[in-house]
Amino acid sequence: MKNQFRKNIKPGMEVEIILKKDQATGELTNGIVKAILTSAPQHSRGIKVKLDDGQVGRVQKILTDEIGNPIEE
């Protein structure tokens, strides 16, 4: 899955993340990537990012590229 590889995620992309507090419910949060926090090239539960509103979570789905074009998975 694309969300598991750091190379596929760039600042400015719109993504859906799962916050730590929402792991039990699976509720996703939508936002724009401000920073990539995972230093490893791959992570099995998704790359950890910080959104432009300051929330931190693991990417579950990539919605757009860094210039706003929709991504097909």
Protein backbone atom coordinates (compact mmCIF):
# COMPACT_ATOMS: atom_id res chain seq x y z
CA MET A 1 0.00 0.00 0.00
CA LYS A 2 1.23 3.48 -0.89
CA ASN A 3 0.66 4.83 2.63
CA GLN A 4 3.35 2.49 4.01
CA PHE A 5 6.22 4.04 2.01
CA ARG A 6 7.82 7.37 2.97
CA LYS A 7 8.76 8.12 -0.67
CA ASN A 8 5.04 8.31 -1.61
CA ILE A 9 4.19 11.05 0.91
CA LYS A 10 5.11 14.69 0.48
CA PRO A 11 4.20 17.93 2.27
CA GLY A 12 1.13 19.52 0.70
CA MET A 13 -0.66 16.25 0.00
CA GLU A 14 -4.20 15.75 1.29
CA VAL A 15 -4.40 12.53 3.31
CA GLU A 16 -6.55 10.64 5.79
CA ILE A 17 -4.75 9.73 9.01
CA ILE A 18 -5.66 7.76 12.09
CA LEU A 19 -4.94 9.56 15.34
CA LYS A 20 -3.60 7.58 18.31
CA LYS A 21 -6.83 8.25 20.25
CA ASP A 22 -8.92 6.93 17.36
CA GLN A 23 -7.09 3.64 16.80
CA ALA A 24 -9.78 1.66 18.65
CA THR A 25 -12.64 3.14 16.59
CA GLY A 26 -10.83 3.46 13.26
CA GLU A 27 -12.10 7.03 12.79
CA LEU A 28 -10.05 8.87 10.17
CA THR A 29 -9.04 12.54 10.13
CA ASN A 30 -8.58 14.45 6.88
CA GLY A 31 -5.87 17.08 6.40
CA ILE A 32 -2.86 18.44 4.55
CA VAL A 33 0.62 17.05 5.33
CA LYS A 34 2.90 19.65 6.90
CA ALA A 35 5.77 17.35 7.94
CA ILE A 36 6.78 13.69 7.70
CA LEU A 37 7.76 12.32 11.11
CA THR A 38 8.71 8.72 10.24
CA SER A 39 12.39 8.53 9.32
CA ALA A 40 12.32 4.90 8.12
CA PRO A 41 11.61 4.31 4.41
CA GLN A 42 8.64 2.04 5.26
CA HIS A 43 6.25 1.41 8.16
CA SER A 44 3.67 -1.38 8.28
CA ARG A 45 0.96 0.72 9.99
CA GLY A 46 1.48 3.82 7.82
CA ILE A 47 3.90 6.74 7.75
CA LYS A 48 3.51 9.13 10.69
CA VAL A 49 2.88 12.73 9.66
CA LYS A 50 1.95 16.09 11.17
CA LEU A 51 -0.94 17.88 9.50
CA ASP A 52 -1.03 21.63 8.91
CA ASP A 53 -3.43 21.96 11.87
CA GLY A 54 -0.88 20.26 14.19
CA GLN A 55 -2.54 16.85 14.52
CA VAL A 56 -0.24 13.81 14.33
CA GLY A 57 -1.15 10.37 13.06
CA ARG A 58 -0.38 7.58 10.59
CA VAL A 59 -1.42 7.92 6.94
CA GLN A 60 -4.18 5.49 6.00
CA LYS A 61 -5.04 6.91 2.57
CA ILE A 62 -3.50 9.43 0.18
CA LEU A 63 -6.22 11.61 -1.39
CA THR A 64 -4.28 14.12 -3.54
CA ASP A 65 -0.74 14.79 -4.69
CA GLU A 66 1.17 17.84 -3.43
CA ILE A 67 -0.49 20.13 -6.02
CA GLY A 68 -4.02 18.91 -5.39
CA ASN A 69 -4.57 16.34 -8.13
CA PRO A 70 -6.62 13.32 -6.99
CA ILE A 71 -4.72 10.08 -6.43
CA GLU A 72 -6.19 6.77 -7.58
CA GLU A 73 -5.31 3.75 -5.42
